[in-house]
PDB file of N, CA and C in Angstrom:
ATOM      1  N   MET A   1      97.338  74.179  41.201  1.00  0.00           N
ATOM      2  CA  MET A   1      98.083  74.198  42.727  1.00  0.00           C
ATOM      3  C   MET A   1      98.501  73.029  43.181  1.00  0.00           C
ATOM      4  N   ASP A   2      99.695  72.334  43.305  1.00  0.00           N
ATOM      5  CA  ASP A   2      99.925  71.156  43.806  1.00  0.00           C
ATOM      6  C   ASP A   2      99.421  71.036  45.427  1.00  0.00           C
ATOM      7  N   THR A   3      98.832  69.713  45.471  1.00  0.00           N
ATOM      8  CA  THR A   3      98.569  69.797  47.035  1.00  0.00           C
ATOM      9  C   THR A   3      99.899  69.198  47.682  1.00  0.00           C
ATOM     10  N   MET A   4      99.978  69.683  49.269  1.00  0.00           N
ATOM     11  CA  MET A   4     100.547  69.192  50.266  1.00  0.00           C
ATOM     12  C   MET A   4     100.085  68.381  51.310  1.00  0.00           C
ATOM     13  N   ARG A   5     100.550  67.162  51.615  1.00  0.00           N
ATOM     14  CA  ARG A   5      99.881  66.471  52.498  1.00  0.00           C
ATOM     15  C   ARG A   5     100.125  66.929  53.733  1.00  0.00           C
ATOM     16  N   MET A   6      99.481  67.006  54.879  1.00  0.00           N
ATOM     17  CA  MET A   6      99.529  67.326  56.028  1.00  0.00           C
ATOM     18  C   MET A   6      98.956  66.865  56.974  1.00  0.00           C
ATOM     19  N   LEU A   7      99.368  67.131  58.269  1.00  0.00           N
ATOM     20  CA  LEU A   7      99.002  66.722  59.301  1.00  0.00           C
ATOM     21  C   LEU A   7      98.814  67.608  60.112  1.00  0.00           C
ATOM     22  N   LEU A   8      97.348  67.812  60.735  1.00  0.00           N
ATOM     23  CA  LEU A   8      96.848  68.758  61.503  1.00  0.00           C
ATOM     24  C   LEU A   8      96.711  67.905  62.754  1.00  0.00           C
ATOM     25  N   ARG A   9      97.368  68.456  63.920  1.00  0.00           N
ATOM     26  CA  ARG A   9      97.196  68.299  65.378  1.00  0.00           C
ATOM     27  C   ARG A   9      97.064  68.798  65.980  1.00  0.00           C
ATOM     28  N   TRP A  10      96.178  69.050  66.908  1.00  0.00           N
ATOM     29  CA  TRP A  10      95.458  69.875  67.963  1.00  0.00           C
ATOM     30  C   TRP A  10      95.106  69.244  69.021  1.00  0.00           C
ATOM     31  N   GLU A  11      95.517  70.313  70.161  1.00  0.00           N
ATOM     32  CA  GLU A  11      95.288  70.424  71.533  1.00  0.00           C
ATOM     33  C   GLU A  11      94.116  71.289  71.937  1.00  0.00           C
ATOM     34  N   ALA A  12      93.277  70.636  72.419  1.00  0.00           N
ATOM     35  CA  ALA A  12      92.058  71.311  73.087  1.00  0.00           C
ATOM     36  C   ALA A  12      91.852  71.659  74.208  1.00  0.00           C
ATOM     37  N   GLY A  13      91.481  73.038  74.411  1.00  0.00           N
ATOM     38  CA  GLY A  13      91.463  73.737  75.807  1.00  0.00           C
ATOM     39  C   GLY A  13      90.544  72.486  77.396  1.00  0.00           C
ATOM     40  N   LEU A  14      91.152  72.699  78.014  1.00  0.00           N
ATOM     41  CA  LEU A  14      89.665  72.061  78.688  1.00  0.00           C
ATOM     42  C   LEU A  14      88.735  72.074  79.350  1.00  0.00           C
ATOM     43  N   GLU A  15      88.592  73.666  79.711  1.00  0.00           N
ATOM     44  CA  GLU A  15      87.130  74.156  79.912  1.00  0.00           C
ATOM     45  C   GLU A  15      86.515  74.401  78.905  1.00  0.00           C
ATOM     46  N   ALA A  16      87.089  75.341  77.997  1.00  0.00           N
ATOM     47  CA  ALA A  16      86.019  75.166  76.493  1.00  0.00           C
ATOM     48  C   ALA A  16      85.875  73.844  75.741  1.00  0.00           C
ATOM     49  N   THR A  17      86.478  72.587  76.109  1.00  0.00           N
ATOM     50  CA  THR A  17      86.205  71.520  75.091  1.00  0.00           C
ATOM     51  C   THR A  17      84.681  70.841  76.394  1.00  0.00           C
ATOM     52  N   ASN A  18      85.353  70.847  77.676  1.00  0.00           N
ATOM     53  CA  ASN A  18      84.163  70.358  78.219  1.00  0.00           C
ATOM     54  C   ASN A  18      82.537  71.249  77.760  1.00  0.00           C
ATOM     55  N   GLU A  19      82.751  72.282  78.062  1.00  0.00           N
ATOM     56  CA  GLU A  19      81.295  73.057  77.334  1.00  0.00           C
ATOM     57  C   GLU A  19      81.103  72.854  76.307  1.00  0.00           C
ATOM     58  N   ALA A  20      82.033  72.643  75.111  1.00  0.00           N
ATOM     59  CA  ALA A  20      81.653  72.132  73.847  1.00  0.00           C
ATOM     60  C   ALA A  20      81.034  70.763  73.623  1.00  0.00           C
ATOM     61  N   LEU A  21      81.445  69.959  74.785  1.00  0.00           N
ATOM     62  CA  LEU A  21      80.692  68.947  74.704  1.00  0.00           C
ATOM     63  C   LEU A  21      79.609  68.725  75.375  1.00  0.00           C
ATOM     64  N   ARG A  22      79.384  69.826  76.267  1.00  0.00           N
ATOM     65  CA  ARG A  22      77.984  69.717  76.982  1.00  0.00           C
ATOM     66  C   ARG A  22      76.925  69.871  75.964  1.00  0.00           C
ATOM     67  N   THR A  23      77.224  71.139  75.205  1.00  0.00           N
ATOM     68  CA  THR A  23      76.372  71.783  74.347  1.00  0.00           C
ATOM     69  C   THR A  23      76.011  71.158  72.951  1.00  0.00           C
ATOM     70  N   GLY A  24      77.034  70.419  72.888  1.00  0.00           N
ATOM     71  CA  GLY A  24      76.640  69.784  71.482  1.00  0.00           C
ATOM     72  C   GLY A  24      77.347  70.064  70.032  1.00  0.00           C
ATOM     73  N   LYS A  25      78.412  71.457  71.043  1.00  0.00           N
ATOM     74  CA  LYS A  25      79.150  72.288  69.873  1.00  0.00           C
ATOM     75  C   LYS A  25      80.245  70.867  69.365  1.00  0.00           C
ATOM     76  N   MET A  26      80.488  70.415  69.957  1.00  0.00           N
ATOM     77  CA  MET A  26      81.862  69.394  70.063  1.00  0.00           C
ATOM     78  C   MET A  26      81.875  68.453  68.168  1.00  0.00           C
ATOM     79  N   ALA A  27      80.355  67.854  68.593  1.00  0.00           N
ATOM     80  CA  ALA A  27      79.903  67.188  67.090  1.00  0.00           C
ATOM     81  C   ALA A  27      80.681  68.045  66.078  1.00  0.00           C
ATOM     82  N   GLU A  28      79.661  69.269  66.068  1.00  0.00           N
ATOM     83  CA  GLU A  28      79.598  70.078  65.501  1.00  0.00           C
ATOM     84  C   GLU A  28      81.059  70.633  64.558  1.00  0.00           C
ATOM     85  N   ILE A  29      81.765  70.840  65.287  1.00  0.00           N
ATOM     86  CA  ILE A  29      83.155  70.946  65.202  1.00  0.00           C
ATOM     87  C   ILE A  29      84.027  69.925  64.293  1.00  0.00           C
ATOM     88  N   ASN A  30      83.772  68.665  65.017  1.00  0.00           N
ATOM     89  CA  ASN A  30      84.236  67.538  64.144  1.00  0.00           C
ATOM     90  C   ASN A  30      83.539  67.740  62.845  1.00  0.00           C
ATOM     91  N   GLN A  31      82.417  67.923  62.674  1.00  0.00           N
ATOM     92  CA  GLN A  31      81.643  67.211  61.438  1.00  0.00           C
ATOM     93  C   GLN A  31      82.233  68.437  60.710  1.00  0.00           C
ATOM     94  N   ALA A  32      82.523  69.695  60.827  1.00  0.00           N
ATOM     95  CA  ALA A  32      82.759  70.466  59.629  1.00  0.00           C
ATOM     96  C   ALA A  32      84.657  70.196  59.625  1.00  0.00           C
ATOM     97  N   LEU A  33      85.291  69.969  60.631  1.00  0.00           N
ATOM     98  CA  LEU A  33      86.559  69.772  60.726  1.00  0.00           C
ATOM     99  C   LEU A  33      87.120  68.900  59.246  1.00  0.00           C
ATOM    100  N   SER A  34      86.078  67.402  59.342  1.00  0.00           N
ATOM    101  CA  SER A  34      85.863  66.525  58.508  1.00  0.00           C
ATOM    102  C   SER A  34      85.815  66.998  56.826  1.00  0.00           C
ATOM    103  N   ALA A  35      84.233  67.971  57.126  1.00  0.00           N
ATOM    104  CA  ALA A  35      84.183  68.418  55.631  1.00  0.00           C
ATOM    105  C   ALA A  35      85.093  69.545  55.208  1.00  0.00           C
ATOM    106  N   SER A  36      85.697  70.131  55.637  1.00  0.00           N
ATOM    107  CA  SER A  36      86.596  70.929  55.068  1.00  0.00           C
ATOM    108  C   SER A  36      88.129  70.505  54.549  1.00  0.00           C
ATOM    109  N   THR A  37      88.346  69.420  55.353  1.00  0.00           N
ATOM    110  CA  THR A  37      89.852  68.930  55.151  1.00  0.00           C
ATOM    111  C   THR A  37      89.473  67.573  54.346  1.00  0.00           C
ATOM    112  N   GLN A  38      88.502  66.820  54.506  1.00  0.00           N
ATOM    113  CA  GLN A  38      88.139  65.678  53.767  1.00  0.00           C
ATOM    114  C   GLN A  38      89.486  64.410  54.081  1.00  0.00           C
ATOM    115  N   PRO A  39      89.853  64.283  55.215  1.00  0.00           N
ATOM    116  CA  PRO A  39      90.940  63.525  55.548  1.00  0.00           C
ATOM    117  C   PRO A  39      90.979  62.201  54.914  1.00  0.00           C
ATOM    118  N   GLU A  40      92.255  61.715  54.886  1.00  0.00           N
ATOM    119  CA  GLU A  40      92.561  60.453  54.742  1.00  0.00           C
ATOM    120  C   GLU A  40      92.632  59.399  55.766  1.00  0.00           C
ATOM    121  N   ALA A  41      92.793  60.111  56.899  1.00  0.00           N
ATOM    122  CA  ALA A  41      92.442  59.334  58.305  1.00  0.00           C
ATOM    123  C   ALA A  41      92.500  60.657  59.483  1.00  0.00           C
ATOM    124  N   GLU A  42      91.934  60.024  60.554  1.00  0.00           N
ATOM    125  CA  GLU A  42      91.306  60.547  61.855  1.00  0.00           C
ATOM    126  C   GLU A  42      91.476  59.969  63.068  1.00  0.00           C
ATOM    127  N   TYR A  43      92.262  60.513  63.602  1.00  0.00           N
ATOM    128  CA  TYR A  43      92.975  59.819  65.185  1.00  0.00           C
ATOM    129  C   TYR A  43      92.449  60.645  66.522  1.00  0.00           C
ATOM    130  N   PHE A  44      92.214  60.271  67.313  1.00  0.00           N
ATOM    131  CA  PHE A  44      91.945  60.915  68.657  1.00  0.00           C
ATOM    132  C   PHE A  44      92.608  60.498  69.912  1.00  0.00           C
ATOM    133  N   SER A  45      92.874  61.065  70.625  1.00  0.00           N
ATOM    134  CA  SER A  45      94.043  60.766  71.754  1.00  0.00           C
ATOM    135  C   SER A  45      93.964  61.561  73.106  1.00  0.00           C
ATOM    136  N   THR A  46      94.986  61.597  73.708  1.00  0.00           N
ATOM    137  CA  THR A  46      95.667  62.242  74.984  1.00  0.00           C
ATOM    138  C   THR A  46      96.880  62.753  74.541  1.00  0.00           C
ATOM    139  N   GLU A  47      96.964  63.893  75.127  1.00  0.00           N
ATOM    140  CA  GLU A  47      98.830  64.420  74.811  1.00  0.00           C
ATOM    141  C   GLU A  47      99.006  65.581  75.785  1.00  0.00           C
ATOM    142  N   HIS A  48      99.582  65.111  76.005  1.00  0.00           N
ATOM    143  CA  HIS A  48      99.772  66.492  77.733  1.00  0.00           C
ATOM    144  C   HIS A  48      99.130  66.286  78.247  1.00  0.00           C
ATOM    145  N   GLY A  49      98.353  65.468  78.461  1.00  0.00           N
ATOM    146  CA  GLY A  49      96.718  65.391  79.165  1.00  0.00           C
ATOM    147  C   GLY A  49      95.654  65.995  78.492  1.00  0.00           C
ATOM    148  N   LYS A  50      95.748  66.446  77.200  1.00  0.00           N
ATOM    149  CA  LYS A  50      94.591  67.392  76.629  1.00  0.00           C
ATOM    150  C   LYS A  50      94.211  66.189  75.701  1.00  0.00           C
ATOM    151  N   ARG A  51      93.129  66.479  74.951  1.00  0.00           N
ATOM    152  CA  ARG A  51      92.465  65.959  74.479  1.00  0.00           C
ATOM    153  C   ARG A  51      93.276  66.377  72.686  1.00  0.00           C
ATOM    154  N   THR A  52      93.559  65.254  72.524  1.00  0.00           N
ATOM    155  CA  THR A  52      94.254  65.825  70.891  1.00  0.00           C
ATOM    156  C   THR A  52      93.659  65.149  69.818  1.00  0.00           C
ATOM    157  N   GLY A  53      93.737  65.882  68.703  1.00  0.00           N
ATOM    158  CA  GLY A  53      93.144  65.128  67.147  1.00  0.00           C
ATOM    159  C   GLY A  53      94.389  65.232  66.635  1.00  0.00           C
ATOM    160  N   TYR A  54      94.464  63.632  65.360  1.00  0.00           N
ATOM    161  CA  TYR A  54      95.561  64.026  64.310  1.00  0.00           C
ATOM    162  C   TYR A  54      94.577  63.757  62.859  1.00  0.00           C
ATOM    163  N   LEU A  55      94.849  64.925  62.128  1.00  0.00           N
ATOM    164  CA  LEU A  55      94.105  64.532  60.402  1.00  0.00           C
ATOM    165  C   LEU A  55      95.376  64.618  59.869  1.00  0.00           C
ATOM    166  N   PHE A  56      95.340  63.444  59.039  1.00  0.00           N
ATOM    167  CA  PHE A  56      95.916  63.858  57.860  1.00  0.00           C
ATOM    168  C   PHE A  56      95.216  63.834  56.074  1.00  0.00           C
ATOM    169  N   PHE A  57      95.701  65.203  55.683  1.00  0.00           N
ATOM    170  CA  PHE A  57      94.696  65.290  54.285  1.00  0.00           C
ATOM    171  C   PHE A  57      95.692  66.490  53.434  1.00  0.00           C
ATOM    172  N   ASP A  58      94.898  66.342  52.237  1.00  0.00           N
ATOM    173  CA  ASP A  58      95.517  67.013  51.133  1.00  0.00           C
ATOM    174  C   ASP A  58      95.478  68.648  51.426  1.00  0.00           C
ATOM    175  N   LEU A  59      96.398  69.506  51.696  1.00  0.00           N
ATOM    176  CA  LEU A  59      96.294  71.237  51.771  1.00  0.00           C
ATOM    177  C   LEU A  59      96.570  71.409  50.167  1.00  0.00           C
ATOM    178  N   SER A  60      95.436  72.240  49.477  1.00  0.00           N
ATOM    179  CA  SER A  60      95.507  72.429  48.197  1.00  0.00           C
ATOM    180  C   SER A  60      95.951  73.903  47.990  1.00  0.00           C
ATOM    181  N   ASP A  61      95.548  74.624  49.016  1.00  0.00           N
ATOM    182  CA  ASP A  61      95.498  76.250  49.233  1.00  0.00           C
ATOM    183  C   ASP A  61      95.690  76.497  50.850  1.00  0.00           C
ATOM    184  N   PRO A  62      96.931  77.099  50.867  1.00  0.00           N
ATOM    185  CA  PRO A  62      97.633  77.466  51.784  1.00  0.00           C
ATOM    186  C   PRO A  62      96.211  78.416  52.879  1.00  0.00           C
ATOM    187  N   ALA A  63      95.702  79.273  51.934  1.00  0.00           N
ATOM    188  CA  ALA A  63      94.143  80.212  52.298  1.00  0.00           C
ATOM    189  C   ALA A  63      93.737  79.701  53.106  1.00  0.00           C
ATOM    190  N   GLN A  64      93.422  78.112  53.023  1.00  0.00           N
ATOM    191  CA  GLN A  64      92.451  77.173  54.217  1.00  0.00           C
ATOM    192  C   GLN A  64      92.942  76.972  55.513  1.00  0.00           C
ATOM    193  N   ILE A  65      94.389  77.317  55.745  1.00  0.00           N
ATOM    194  CA  ILE A  65      94.762  77.188  57.233  1.00  0.00           C
ATOM    195  C   ILE A  65      94.102  77.909  58.138  1.00  0.00           C
ATOM    196  N   PRO A  66      93.323  79.048  57.895  1.00  0.00           N
ATOM    197  CA  PRO A  66      92.804  79.691  58.739  1.00  0.00           C
ATOM    198  C   PRO A  66      91.141  79.674  58.952  1.00  0.00           C
ATOM    199  N   VAL A  67      90.543  79.009  57.707  1.00  0.00           N
ATOM    200  CA  VAL A  67      89.741  78.097  57.631  1.00  0.00           C
ATOM    201  C   VAL A  67      89.082  77.280  58.454  1.00  0.00           C
ATOM    202  N   ILE A  68      90.321  76.094  58.569  1.00  0.00           N
ATOM    203  CA  ILE A  68      90.013  75.208  59.292  1.00  0.00           C
ATOM    204  C   ILE A  68      90.853  75.602  60.580  1.00  0.00           C
ATOM    205  N   ALA A  69      91.612  76.418  60.533  1.00  0.00           N
ATOM    206  CA  ALA A  69      92.028  76.731  62.401  1.00  0.00           C
ATOM    207  C   ALA A  69      91.124  77.495  63.283  1.00  0.00           C
ATOM    208  N   GLU A  70      90.786  78.403  62.622  1.00  0.00           N
ATOM    209  CA  GLU A  70      89.966  79.005  63.658  1.00  0.00           C
ATOM    210  C   GLU A  70      88.528  78.663  64.434  1.00  0.00           C
ATOM    211  N   PRO A  71      87.780  77.956  63.883  1.00  0.00           N
ATOM    212  CA  PRO A  71      87.059  77.387  64.795  1.00  0.00           C
ATOM    213  C   PRO A  71      87.886  76.582  66.186  1.00  0.00           C
ATOM    214  N   LEU A  72      89.223  75.732  65.783  1.00  0.00           N
ATOM    215  CA  LEU A  72      89.418  75.278  66.929  1.00  0.00           C
ATOM    216  C   LEU A  72      90.211  76.301  68.066  1.00  0.00           C
ATOM    217  N   PHE A  73      90.297  77.286  67.058  1.00  0.00           N
ATOM    218  CA  PHE A  73      90.984  78.284  67.990  1.00  0.00           C
ATOM    219  C   PHE A  73      89.986  78.566  68.669  1.00  0.00           C
ATOM    220  N   GLN A  74      89.049  79.740  68.592  1.00  0.00           N
ATOM    221  CA  GLN A  74      87.989  80.628  68.818  1.00  0.00           C
ATOM    222  C   GLN A  74      87.207  79.380  69.804  1.00  0.00           C
ATOM    223  N   THR A  75      86.731  78.266  69.249  1.00  0.00           N
ATOM    224  CA  THR A  75      85.610  77.650  70.177  1.00  0.00           C
ATOM    225  C   THR A  75      86.391  76.730  71.190  1.00  0.00           C
ATOM    226  N   LEU A  76      87.814  76.011  71.039  1.00  0.00           N
ATOM    227  CA  LEU A  76      87.823  74.966  71.492  1.00  0.00           C
ATOM    228  C   LEU A  76      89.719  75.492  72.587  1.00  0.00           C
ATOM    229  N   ASN A  77      89.686  76.811  72.450  1.00  0.00           N
ATOM    230  CA  ASN A  77      91.038  77.246  72.652  1.00  0.00           C
ATOM    231  C   ASN A  77      92.054  76.257  72.403  1.00  0.00           C
ATOM    232  N   ALA A  78      92.200  75.806  71.645  1.00  0.00           N
ATOM    233  CA  ALA A  78      93.197  74.660  70.778  1.00  0.00           C
ATOM    234  C   ALA A  78      94.493  75.186  70.663  1.00  0.00           C
ATOM    235  N   THR A  79      95.628  74.773  71.051  1.00  0.00           N
ATOM    236  CA  THR A  79      96.736  74.726  70.162  1.00  0.00           C
ATOM    237  C   THR A  79      96.542  74.499  68.768  1.00  0.00           C
ATOM    238  N   VAL A  80      97.002  74.842  67.577  1.00  0.00           N
ATOM    239  CA  VAL A  80      97.132  74.033  66.233  1.00  0.00           C
ATOM    240  C   VAL A  80      98.586  74.297  65.338  1.00  0.00           C
ATOM    241  N   GLU A  81      98.709  72.644  64.767  1.00  0.00           N
ATOM    242  CA  GLU A  81     100.018  72.790  64.431  1.00  0.00           C
ATOM    243  C   GLU A  81      99.197  72.054  62.866  1.00  0.00           C
ATOM    244  N   PHE A  82     100.175  72.399  62.023  1.00  0.00           N
ATOM    245  CA  PHE A  82     100.141  71.998  60.745  1.00  0.00           C
ATOM    246  C   PHE A  82     101.076  71.425  59.921  1.00  0.00           C
ATOM    247  N   ILE A  83     101.531  70.190  60.162  1.00  0.00           N
ATOM    248  CA  ILE A  83     102.920  69.504  59.703  1.00  0.00           C
ATOM    249  C   ILE A  83     102.768  69.163  58.629  1.00  0.00           C
ATOM    250  N   PRO A  84     103.570  69.611  57.646  1.00  0.00           N
ATOM    251  CA  PRO A  84     104.129  68.497  56.203  1.00  0.00           C
ATOM    252  C   PRO A  84     104.508  67.090  56.744  1.00  0.00           C
ATOM    253  N   VAL A  85     104.136  66.370  56.153  1.00  0.00           N
ATOM    254  CA  VAL A  85     104.152  64.666  56.111  1.00  0.00           C
ATOM    255  C   VAL A  85     104.464  64.201  54.408  1.00  0.00           C
ATOM    256  N   MET A  86     105.085  62.917  54.687  1.00  0.00           N
ATOM    257  CA  MET A  86     105.374  62.273  53.158  1.00  0.00           C
ATOM    258  C   MET A  86     104.559  61.010  53.561  1.00  0.00           C
ATOM    259  N   ASN A  87     104.266  60.057  52.653  1.00  0.00           N
ATOM    260  CA  ASN A  87     104.335  58.586  52.815  1.00  0.00           C
ATOM    261  C   ASN A  87     104.753  57.824  52.318  1.00  0.00           C
ATOM    262  N   VAL A  88     104.877  56.549  52.197  1.00  0.00           N
ATOM    263  CA  VAL A  88     106.504  55.768  51.738  1.00  0.00           C
ATOM    264  C   VAL A  88     106.612  56.324  50.240  1.00  0.00           C
ATOM    265  N   ASP A  89     105.474  56.672  49.361  1.00  0.00           N
ATOM    266  CA  ASP A  89     106.545  56.863  48.269  1.00  0.00           C
ATOM    267  C   ASP A  89     106.691  57.856  47.744  1.00  0.00           C
ATOM    268  N   ASP A  90     106.375  59.254  49.011  1.00  0.00           N
ATOM    269  CA  ASP A  90     106.921  60.145  48.444  1.00  0.00           C
ATOM    270  C   ASP A  90     107.676  60.369  49.326  1.00  0.00           C
ATOM    271  N   LEU A  91     108.511  59.639  50.161  1.00  0.00           N
ATOM    272  CA  LEU A  91     109.945  59.284  50.291  1.00  0.00           C
ATOM    273  C   LEU A  91     111.066  58.630  49.894  1.00  0.00           C
ATOM    274  N   GLN A  92     110.260  57.884  48.908  1.00  0.00           N
ATOM    275  CA  GLN A  92     110.881  57.034  48.048  1.00  0.00           C
ATOM    276  C   GLN A  92     111.791  57.950  47.136  1.00  0.00           C
ATOM    277  N   ARG A  93     110.452  58.624  46.298  1.00  0.00           N
ATOM    278  CA  ARG A  93     110.779  59.560  45.522  1.00  0.00           C
ATOM    279  C   ARG A  93     111.942  60.847  45.748  1.00  0.00           C
ATOM    280  N   GLY A  94     111.712  61.179  47.179  1.00  0.00           N
ATOM    281  CA  GLY A  94     112.709  62.418  47.216  1.00  0.00           C
ATOM    282  C   GLY A  94     113.983  61.859  48.015  1.00  0.00           C
ATOM    283  N   LEU A  95     114.501  60.362  48.267  1.00  0.00           N
ATOM    284  CA  LEU A  95     115.287  59.994  48.306  1.00  0.00           C
ATOM    285  C   LEU A  95     115.803  59.719  46.899  1.00  0.00           C
ATOM    286  N   ALA A  96     115.525  59.706  45.865  1.00  0.00           N
ATOM    287  CA  ALA A  96     116.147  59.092  44.714  1.00  0.00           C
ATOM    288  C   ALA A  96     116.118  60.564  43.976  1.00  0.00           C
ATOM    289  N   ALA A  97     115.325  61.385  44.174  1.00  0.00           N
ATOM    290  CA  ALA A  97     115.801  62.850  43.380  1.00  0.00           C
ATOM    291  C   ALA A  97     117.069  63.490  44.570  1.00  0.00           C
ATOM    292  N   SER A  98     116.663  63.139  45.752  1.00  0.00           N
ATOM    293  CA  SER A  98     118.382  63.857  46.425  1.00  0.00           C
ATOM    294  C   SER A  98     119.780  62.710  45.974  1.00  0.00           C
ATOM    295  N   GLY A  99     119.415  61.478  45.474  1.00  0.00           N
ATOM    296  CA  GLY A  99     121.115  60.815  45.195  1.00  0.00           C
ATOM    297  C   GLY A  99     120.917  61.914  43.699  1.00  0.00           C
ATOM    298  N   GLU A 100     119.772  61.871  43.048  1.00  0.00           N
ATOM    299  CA  GLU A 100     120.595  62.610  41.420  1.00  0.00           C
ATOM    300  C   GLU A 100     121.210  63.930  41.830  1.00  0.00           C
ATOM    301  N   THR A 101     120.964  64.660  42.880  1.00  0.00           N
ATOM    302  CA  THR A 101     121.917  66.070  42.905  1.00  0.00           C
ATOM    303  C   THR A 101     122.681  65.887  43.374  1.00  0.00           C
ATOM    304  N   ARG A 102     123.581  64.568  43.818  1.00  0.00           N
ATOM    305  CA  ARG A 102     124.904  64.588  44.335  1.00  0.00           C
ATOM    306  C   ARG A 102     125.624  64.589  43.113  1.00  0.00           C
TER     307      ARG A 102
END
């Protein structure tokens, strides 16, 4: 099966994340998330006034989506998005292929 480069964007709930930080669970969640996705890059910021994470990784099996998302949902009361993305090489190949089909 081909892999698809994804952007995982998650916004954590305030109270749940405060509790996860107090108990040390937040570090465990971040470590497990990195281990399960093997991200190309990870960034953390705030968006809409919430703690937000951005991970770029290759998704090889859609069945991994619940494995990745559920800890964020259940522990951090997070909103989670999986967004297909391209790097510049992917874009160039796609543009070249789109020109061939016309």
